[in-house]
Amino acid sequence: MQQGHEHHFDPKEQLRSVGLRVTAPRVAVLRTVAEHPHSDADGIAAHVRDELGSVSTQAVYDVLKACVGNGLLRRIEPAGSPARYETRIGDNHHHLVCRACGTVVDIDCVVGAAPCLTPSDDHGFVIDEAEVTFWGLCPDCRAD
């Protein structure tokens, strides 16, 4: 599950809470993302196929899109990487990405309440989120 933020995650309950029909692919996708945060669509599809058998990649993309659109998943897009998905939503956390291997880990809000960062000029926007990505080398890649 998610480092430092273990929580009960019931895919069927989550789907019903936003009015989405409970289907085997949707449940499998949500379960996979909960168990393997920051996975990309291909990795999620592989896990779902292991669980359910034949499921098209397009079906997995459709489920991911529906779940992101309904606030069940968060989609992040680190520069130079495919989109990745996580169940940790609504808490304004950030990410640390290894430049060498692409590992992604969660970082809690840097300082203060959401949004963590206040721009010098908001240009009239009402800001509700700040997305920060920290980059570096993970311990395994530093050792290499």
N, C-alpha and C. Protein backbone atom coordinates (compact mmCIF):
# COMPACT_ATOMS: atom_id res chain seq x y z
N MET A 1 0.84 -1.18 0.00
CA MET A 1 0.00 0.00 0.00
C MET A 1 0.88 1.24 0.00
N GLN A 2 0.35 2.35 0.43
CA GLN A 2 1.06 3.60 0.30
C GLN A 2 1.87 3.90 1.55
N GLN A 3 3.13 4.29 1.33
CA GLN A 3 4.03 4.53 2.44
C GLN A 3 3.48 5.59 3.37
N GLY A 4 3.40 5.24 4.66
CA GLY A 4 3.01 6.20 5.67
C GLY A 4 1.55 6.60 5.62
N HIS A 5 0.80 6.09 4.68
CA HIS A 5 -0.59 6.49 4.58
C HIS A 5 -1.47 5.27 4.32
N GLU A 6 -1.29 4.25 5.12
CA GLU A 6 -2.09 3.05 5.00
C GLU A 6 -3.54 3.41 5.29
N HIS A 7 -4.44 2.90 4.50
CA HIS A 7 -5.84 3.13 4.75
C HIS A 7 -6.65 2.01 4.13
N HIS A 8 -7.86 1.84 4.66
CA HIS A 8 -8.76 0.83 4.12
C HIS A 8 -9.24 1.32 2.76
N PHE A 9 -9.11 0.49 1.75
CA PHE A 9 -9.54 0.86 0.41
C PHE A 9 -10.39 -0.26 -0.14
N ASP A 10 -11.69 -0.03 -0.23
CA ASP A 10 -12.62 -1.01 -0.77
C ASP A 10 -13.06 -0.54 -2.16
N PRO A 11 -12.52 -1.17 -3.22
CA PRO A 11 -12.85 -0.71 -4.57
C PRO A 11 -14.35 -0.69 -4.88
N LYS A 12 -15.09 -1.70 -4.43
CA LYS A 12 -16.53 -1.72 -4.71
C LYS A 12 -17.23 -0.55 -4.04
N GLU A 13 -16.87 -0.30 -2.79
CA GLU A 13 -17.45 0.82 -2.06
C GLU A 13 -17.09 2.16 -2.73
N GLN A 14 -15.84 2.28 -3.18
CA GLN A 14 -15.41 3.50 -3.85
C GLN A 14 -16.19 3.73 -5.14
N LEU A 15 -16.35 2.71 -5.94
CA LEU A 15 -17.11 2.83 -7.19
C LEU A 15 -18.55 3.25 -6.93
N ARG A 16 -19.19 2.58 -5.98
CA ARG A 16 -20.59 2.92 -5.66
C ARG A 16 -20.71 4.34 -5.15
N SER A 17 -19.71 4.81 -4.40
CA SER A 17 -19.79 6.15 -3.80
C SER A 17 -19.82 7.27 -4.84
N VAL A 18 -19.34 7.00 -6.04
CA VAL A 18 -19.37 8.01 -7.10
C VAL A 18 -20.34 7.65 -8.21
N GLY A 19 -21.15 6.61 -7.99
CA GLY A 19 -22.18 6.25 -8.95
C GLY A 19 -21.69 5.45 -10.14
N LEU A 20 -20.52 4.85 -10.04
CA LEU A 20 -20.02 4.00 -11.13
C LEU A 20 -20.44 2.56 -10.87
N ARG A 21 -20.79 1.87 -11.95
CA ARG A 21 -21.16 0.46 -11.86
C ARG A 21 -19.95 -0.36 -11.41
N VAL A 22 -20.20 -1.32 -10.55
CA VAL A 22 -19.14 -2.21 -10.08
C VAL A 22 -18.95 -3.31 -11.13
N THR A 23 -17.76 -3.32 -11.76
CA THR A 23 -17.42 -4.36 -12.74
C THR A 23 -16.08 -4.97 -12.33
N ALA A 24 -15.83 -6.17 -12.80
CA ALA A 24 -14.58 -6.84 -12.46
C ALA A 24 -13.35 -6.04 -12.90
N PRO A 25 -13.32 -5.47 -14.14
CA PRO A 25 -12.15 -4.68 -14.52
C PRO A 25 -11.96 -3.44 -13.65
N ARG A 26 -13.03 -2.76 -13.30
CA ARG A 26 -12.91 -1.57 -12.44
C ARG A 26 -12.36 -1.93 -11.07
N VAL A 27 -12.90 -3.00 -10.50
CA VAL A 27 -12.43 -3.45 -9.17
C VAL A 27 -10.96 -3.84 -9.26
N ALA A 28 -10.59 -4.58 -10.29
CA ALA A 28 -9.20 -5.04 -10.44
C ALA A 28 -8.25 -3.86 -10.64
N VAL A 29 -8.64 -2.88 -11.43
CA VAL A 29 -7.79 -1.71 -11.65
C VAL A 29 -7.61 -0.94 -10.34
N LEU A 30 -8.68 -0.66 -9.63
CA LEU A 30 -8.56 0.08 -8.36
C LEU A 30 -7.72 -0.69 -7.35
N ARG A 31 -7.93 -2.00 -7.26
CA ARG A 31 -7.15 -2.81 -6.32
C ARG A 31 -5.66 -2.77 -6.70
N THR A 32 -5.38 -2.87 -7.98
CA THR A 32 -3.99 -2.86 -8.45
C THR A 32 -3.32 -1.53 -8.12
N VAL A 33 -4.01 -0.43 -8.38
CA VAL A 33 -3.42 0.89 -8.10
C VAL A 33 -3.21 1.07 -6.59
N ALA A 34 -4.15 0.59 -5.79
CA ALA A 34 -4.00 0.68 -4.33
C ALA A 34 -2.79 -0.13 -3.85
N GLU A 35 -2.56 -1.29 -4.46
CA GLU A 35 -1.46 -2.16 -4.05
C GLU A 35 -0.13 -1.76 -4.68
N HIS A 36 -0.17 -1.06 -5.82
CA HIS A 36 1.04 -0.67 -6.55
C HIS A 36 0.95 0.80 -6.95
N PRO A 37 1.01 1.70 -5.96
CA PRO A 37 0.88 3.12 -6.31
C PRO A 37 1.98 3.57 -7.26
N HIS A 38 1.65 4.54 -8.08
CA HIS A 38 2.55 5.16 -9.06
C HIS A 38 2.85 4.23 -10.24
N SER A 39 1.97 3.24 -10.47
CA SER A 39 2.12 2.37 -11.63
C SER A 39 1.62 3.09 -12.87
N ASP A 40 2.21 2.71 -14.03
CA ASP A 40 1.70 3.26 -15.29
C ASP A 40 0.63 2.31 -15.83
N ALA A 41 -0.05 2.73 -16.90
CA ALA A 41 -1.17 1.97 -17.42
C ALA A 41 -0.76 0.57 -17.87
N ASP A 42 0.43 0.44 -18.48
CA ASP A 42 0.87 -0.89 -18.92
C ASP A 42 1.09 -1.82 -17.74
N GLY A 43 1.70 -1.32 -16.68
CA GLY A 43 1.90 -2.13 -15.48
C GLY A 43 0.59 -2.52 -14.83
N ILE A 44 -0.34 -1.57 -14.80
CA ILE A 44 -1.66 -1.86 -14.24
C ILE A 44 -2.35 -2.93 -15.08
N ALA A 45 -2.29 -2.78 -16.40
CA ALA A 45 -2.93 -3.75 -17.30
C ALA A 45 -2.35 -5.16 -17.09
N ALA A 46 -1.05 -5.25 -16.91
CA ALA A 46 -0.42 -6.56 -16.70
C ALA A 46 -0.94 -7.21 -15.41
N HIS A 47 -1.04 -6.43 -14.33
CA HIS A 47 -1.56 -6.97 -13.06
C HIS A 47 -3.02 -7.38 -13.21
N VAL A 48 -3.81 -6.55 -13.91
CA VAL A 48 -5.23 -6.86 -14.10
C VAL A 48 -5.38 -8.14 -14.91
N ARG A 49 -4.57 -8.32 -15.94
CA ARG A 49 -4.63 -9.55 -16.74
C ARG A 49 -4.25 -10.77 -15.90
N ASP A 50 -3.26 -10.60 -15.02
CA ASP A 50 -2.90 -11.70 -14.11
C ASP A 50 -4.09 -12.10 -13.25
N GLU A 51 -4.88 -11.11 -12.85
CA GLU A 51 -6.01 -11.36 -11.97
C GLU A 51 -7.24 -11.88 -12.72
N LEU A 52 -7.52 -11.29 -13.88
CA LEU A 52 -8.79 -11.57 -14.56
C LEU A 52 -8.66 -12.38 -15.84
N GLY A 53 -7.46 -12.48 -16.37
CA GLY A 53 -7.30 -13.12 -17.67
C GLY A 53 -7.30 -12.07 -18.75
N SER A 54 -8.07 -12.28 -19.79
CA SER A 54 -8.07 -11.40 -20.95
C SER A 54 -8.82 -10.09 -20.69
N VAL A 55 -8.07 -8.99 -20.65
CA VAL A 55 -8.64 -7.64 -20.54
C VAL A 55 -7.83 -6.77 -21.49
N SER A 56 -8.51 -6.02 -22.33
CA SER A 56 -7.80 -5.20 -23.31
C SER A 56 -7.13 -4.00 -22.63
N THR A 57 -6.05 -3.56 -23.23
CA THR A 57 -5.37 -2.36 -22.73
C THR A 57 -6.32 -1.17 -22.80
N GLN A 58 -7.13 -1.10 -23.85
CA GLN A 58 -8.09 0.01 -23.98
C GLN A 58 -9.09 0.00 -22.83
N ALA A 59 -9.54 -1.18 -22.42
CA ALA A 59 -10.47 -1.27 -21.29
C ALA A 59 -9.82 -0.72 -20.02
N VAL A 60 -8.54 -1.02 -19.82
CA VAL A 60 -7.83 -0.50 -18.64
C VAL A 60 -7.73 1.02 -18.73
N TYR A 61 -7.38 1.55 -19.90
CA TYR A 61 -7.33 3.01 -20.06
C TYR A 61 -8.70 3.64 -19.80
N ASP A 62 -9.77 3.00 -20.26
CA ASP A 62 -11.12 3.53 -20.04
C ASP A 62 -11.46 3.56 -18.55
N VAL A 63 -11.09 2.50 -17.83
CA VAL A 63 -11.34 2.46 -16.39
C VAL A 63 -10.53 3.54 -15.69
N LEU A 64 -9.25 3.68 -16.05
CA LEU A 64 -8.41 4.71 -15.43
C LEU A 64 -9.00 6.10 -15.66
N LYS A 65 -9.43 6.36 -16.89
CA LYS A 65 -10.02 7.67 -17.21
C LYS A 65 -11.28 7.93 -16.37
N ALA A 66 -12.15 6.93 -16.28
CA ALA A 66 -13.38 7.08 -15.50
C ALA A 66 -13.07 7.30 -14.02
N CYS A 67 -12.09 6.58 -13.50
CA CYS A 67 -11.75 6.69 -12.08
C CYS A 67 -11.09 8.03 -11.77
N VAL A 68 -10.23 8.52 -12.66
CA VAL A 68 -9.63 9.84 -12.48
C VAL A 68 -10.72 10.90 -12.58
N GLY A 69 -11.58 10.79 -13.58
CA GLY A 69 -12.65 11.76 -13.78
C GLY A 69 -13.63 11.84 -12.64
N ASN A 70 -13.77 10.74 -11.90
CA ASN A 70 -14.70 10.71 -10.77
C ASN A 70 -13.99 10.86 -9.42
N GLY A 71 -12.71 11.21 -9.46
CA GLY A 71 -11.99 11.51 -8.23
C GLY A 71 -11.57 10.31 -7.40
N LEU A 72 -11.56 9.12 -7.99
CA LEU A 72 -11.13 7.93 -7.25
C LEU A 72 -9.62 7.71 -7.35
N LEU A 73 -9.03 8.18 -8.44
CA LEU A 73 -7.59 8.06 -8.66
C LEU A 73 -7.02 9.40 -9.02
N ARG A 74 -5.74 9.57 -8.75
CA ARG A 74 -5.00 10.75 -9.18
C ARG A 74 -4.01 10.30 -10.25
N ARG A 75 -3.94 11.10 -11.31
CA ARG A 75 -3.00 10.86 -12.40
C ARG A 75 -1.87 11.86 -12.26
N ILE A 76 -0.65 11.35 -12.25
CA ILE A 76 0.52 12.25 -12.21
C ILE A 76 1.34 11.99 -13.46
N GLU A 77 2.02 13.00 -13.92
CA GLU A 77 2.81 12.87 -15.15
C GLU A 77 4.19 13.48 -14.96
N PRO A 78 5.10 12.75 -14.31
CA PRO A 78 6.47 13.26 -14.19
C PRO A 78 7.08 13.44 -15.58
N ALA A 79 7.80 14.52 -15.77
CA ALA A 79 8.41 14.80 -17.08
C ALA A 79 9.20 13.60 -17.58
N GLY A 80 8.99 13.25 -18.84
CA GLY A 80 9.73 12.15 -19.45
C GLY A 80 9.24 10.77 -19.07
N SER A 81 8.14 10.68 -18.33
CA SER A 81 7.60 9.38 -17.91
C SER A 81 6.17 9.24 -18.39
N PRO A 82 5.70 8.01 -18.53
CA PRO A 82 4.27 7.84 -18.82
C PRO A 82 3.45 8.26 -17.60
N ALA A 83 2.18 8.54 -17.82
CA ALA A 83 1.29 8.88 -16.71
C ALA A 83 1.29 7.74 -15.70
N ARG A 84 1.20 8.11 -14.45
CA ARG A 84 1.15 7.14 -13.36
C ARG A 84 -0.08 7.43 -12.52
N TYR A 85 -0.52 6.43 -11.77
CA TYR A 85 -1.79 6.54 -11.06
C TYR A 85 -1.62 6.15 -9.60
N GLU A 86 -2.44 6.79 -8.75
CA GLU A 86 -2.41 6.48 -7.31
C GLU A 86 -3.78 6.71 -6.70
N THR A 87 -4.02 6.06 -5.56
CA THR A 87 -5.29 6.22 -4.84
C THR A 87 -5.21 7.33 -3.80
N ARG A 88 -4.03 7.82 -3.53
CA ARG A 88 -3.87 8.88 -2.54
C ARG A 88 -4.28 10.21 -3.18
N ILE A 89 -5.48 10.66 -2.84
CA ILE A 89 -6.05 11.85 -3.46
C ILE A 89 -6.47 12.87 -2.41
N GLY A 90 -6.56 14.11 -2.82
CA GLY A 90 -7.17 15.15 -1.99
C GLY A 90 -6.36 15.63 -0.81
N ASP A 91 -5.08 15.27 -0.71
CA ASP A 91 -4.31 15.72 0.45
C ASP A 91 -3.14 16.62 0.07
N ASN A 92 -3.05 17.00 -1.21
CA ASN A 92 -2.03 17.95 -1.67
C ASN A 92 -0.60 17.48 -1.40
N HIS A 93 -0.36 16.18 -1.51
CA HIS A 93 1.01 15.68 -1.35
C HIS A 93 1.77 15.82 -2.68
N HIS A 94 3.06 15.63 -2.61
CA HIS A 94 3.92 15.81 -3.76
C HIS A 94 4.68 14.51 -4.04
N HIS A 95 5.62 14.56 -4.97
CA HIS A 95 6.34 13.34 -5.37
C HIS A 95 7.83 13.59 -5.52
N LEU A 96 8.58 12.54 -5.26
CA LEU A 96 10.02 12.51 -5.45
C LEU A 96 10.28 11.43 -6.49
N VAL A 97 11.00 11.78 -7.57
CA VAL A 97 11.24 10.87 -8.67
C VAL A 97 12.73 10.65 -8.84
N CYS A 98 13.13 9.39 -8.97
CA CYS A 98 14.54 9.07 -9.24
C CYS A 98 14.82 9.31 -10.72
N ARG A 99 15.84 10.10 -10.99
CA ARG A 99 16.21 10.41 -12.38
C ARG A 99 16.73 9.18 -13.12
N ALA A 100 17.28 8.22 -12.41
CA ALA A 100 17.89 7.05 -13.05
C ALA A 100 16.88 5.94 -13.32
N CYS A 101 16.14 5.50 -12.31
CA CYS A 101 15.27 4.33 -12.47
C CYS A 101 13.79 4.68 -12.57
N GLY A 102 13.42 5.92 -12.25
CA GLY A 102 12.03 6.34 -12.37
C GLY A 102 11.16 6.03 -11.17
N THR A 103 11.73 5.48 -10.11
CA THR A 103 10.95 5.22 -8.90
C THR A 103 10.29 6.52 -8.43
N VAL A 104 9.02 6.42 -8.01
CA VAL A 104 8.27 7.57 -7.52
C VAL A 104 7.83 7.27 -6.10
N VAL A 105 8.05 8.22 -5.20
CA VAL A 105 7.59 8.09 -3.82
C VAL A 105 6.82 9.35 -3.43
N ASP A 106 5.91 9.20 -2.47
CA ASP A 106 5.12 10.32 -1.98
C ASP A 106 5.92 11.15 -0.99
N ILE A 107 5.70 12.45 -1.06
CA ILE A 107 6.28 13.41 -0.11
C ILE A 107 5.11 14.22 0.43
N ASP A 108 4.98 14.29 1.74
CA ASP A 108 3.89 15.09 2.31
C ASP A 108 4.10 16.56 1.99
N CYS A 109 3.04 17.33 2.15
CA CYS A 109 3.06 18.76 1.87
C CYS A 109 4.30 19.39 2.50
N VAL A 110 4.98 20.22 1.72
CA VAL A 110 6.26 20.77 2.13
C VAL A 110 6.13 21.59 3.41
N VAL A 111 5.28 22.59 3.40
CA VAL A 111 5.09 23.45 4.58
C VAL A 111 3.67 23.97 4.58
N GLY A 112 3.01 23.91 5.72
CA GLY A 112 1.71 24.56 5.86
C GLY A 112 0.56 23.80 5.23
N ALA A 113 -0.56 24.51 5.13
CA ALA A 113 -1.80 23.93 4.61
C ALA A 113 -1.85 24.05 3.10
N ALA A 114 -2.76 23.30 2.50
CA ALA A 114 -2.92 23.33 1.05
C ALA A 114 -3.43 24.69 0.59
N PRO A 115 -2.99 25.25 -0.55
CA PRO A 115 -1.82 24.75 -1.25
C PRO A 115 -0.55 25.10 -0.50
N CYS A 116 0.46 24.24 -0.64
CA CYS A 116 1.69 24.38 0.13
C CYS A 116 2.49 25.61 -0.26
N LEU A 117 2.40 25.98 -1.50
CA LEU A 117 3.21 27.09 -2.00
C LEU A 117 2.29 28.22 -2.45
N THR A 118 2.67 29.42 -2.16
CA THR A 118 1.89 30.58 -2.55
C THR A 118 2.69 31.35 -3.59
N PRO A 119 2.16 31.54 -4.79
CA PRO A 119 2.90 32.27 -5.82
C PRO A 119 2.99 33.75 -5.48
N SER A 120 4.00 34.41 -6.03
CA SER A 120 4.17 35.84 -5.77
C SER A 120 3.03 36.64 -6.38
N ASP A 121 2.43 36.15 -7.46
CA ASP A 121 1.30 36.81 -8.10
C ASP A 121 0.34 35.73 -8.57
N ASP A 122 -0.89 35.74 -8.07
CA ASP A 122 -1.84 34.70 -8.46
C ASP A 122 -2.63 35.04 -9.73
N HIS A 123 -2.40 36.23 -10.29
CA HIS A 123 -3.04 36.66 -11.53
C HIS A 123 -4.55 36.50 -11.51
N GLY A 124 -5.14 36.63 -10.33
CA GLY A 124 -6.59 36.53 -10.19
C GLY A 124 -7.13 35.12 -10.06
N PHE A 125 -6.26 34.14 -10.11
CA PHE A 125 -6.70 32.75 -9.96
C PHE A 125 -7.03 32.46 -8.51
N VAL A 126 -7.98 31.56 -8.29
CA VAL A 126 -8.21 30.98 -6.97
C VAL A 126 -7.45 29.66 -6.99
N ILE A 127 -6.35 29.59 -6.27
CA ILE A 127 -5.46 28.43 -6.32
C ILE A 127 -5.90 27.41 -5.28
N ASP A 128 -6.07 26.16 -5.73
CA ASP A 128 -6.50 25.12 -4.79
C ASP A 128 -5.52 23.96 -4.69
N GLU A 129 -4.46 23.99 -5.52
CA GLU A 129 -3.49 22.90 -5.47
C GLU A 129 -2.15 23.40 -6.01
N ALA A 130 -1.08 22.92 -5.40
CA ALA A 130 0.26 23.15 -5.91
C ALA A 130 0.87 21.78 -6.17
N GLU A 131 1.37 21.56 -7.38
CA GLU A 131 1.96 20.28 -7.71
C GLU A 131 3.47 20.45 -7.80
N VAL A 132 4.16 19.76 -6.93
CA VAL A 132 5.61 19.87 -6.86
C VAL A 132 6.20 18.49 -7.10
N THR A 133 7.22 18.42 -7.94
CA THR A 133 7.95 17.17 -8.15
C THR A 133 9.41 17.42 -7.81
N PHE A 134 9.91 16.65 -6.87
CA PHE A 134 11.32 16.70 -6.51
C PHE A 134 12.03 15.63 -7.33
N TRP A 135 13.23 15.92 -7.80
CA TRP A 135 14.01 14.98 -8.61
C TRP A 135 15.35 14.71 -7.95
N GLY A 136 15.84 13.49 -8.06
CA GLY A 136 17.13 13.13 -7.52
C GLY A 136 17.45 11.68 -7.83
N LEU A 137 18.36 11.10 -7.07
CA LEU A 137 18.70 9.70 -7.21
C LEU A 137 18.29 8.94 -5.96
N CYS A 138 17.61 7.81 -6.17
CA CYS A 138 17.19 6.97 -5.03
C CYS A 138 18.42 6.29 -4.44
N PRO A 139 18.30 5.75 -3.23
CA PRO A 139 19.45 5.10 -2.59
C PRO A 139 20.06 3.97 -3.43
N ASP A 140 19.22 3.16 -4.10
CA ASP A 140 19.73 2.06 -4.90
C ASP A 140 20.57 2.58 -6.08
N CYS A 141 20.09 3.62 -6.75
CA CYS A 141 20.82 4.15 -7.91
C CYS A 141 22.07 4.91 -7.47
N ARG A 142 22.05 5.55 -6.32
CA ARG A 142 23.23 6.22 -5.80
C ARG A 142 24.33 5.23 -5.50
N ALA A 143 23.94 4.01 -5.08
CA ALA A 143 24.93 2.99 -4.72
C ALA A 143 25.60 2.38 -5.95
N ASP A 144 24.92 2.47 -7.11
CA ASP A 144 25.46 1.88 -8.35
C ASP A 144 26.62 2.69 -8.91
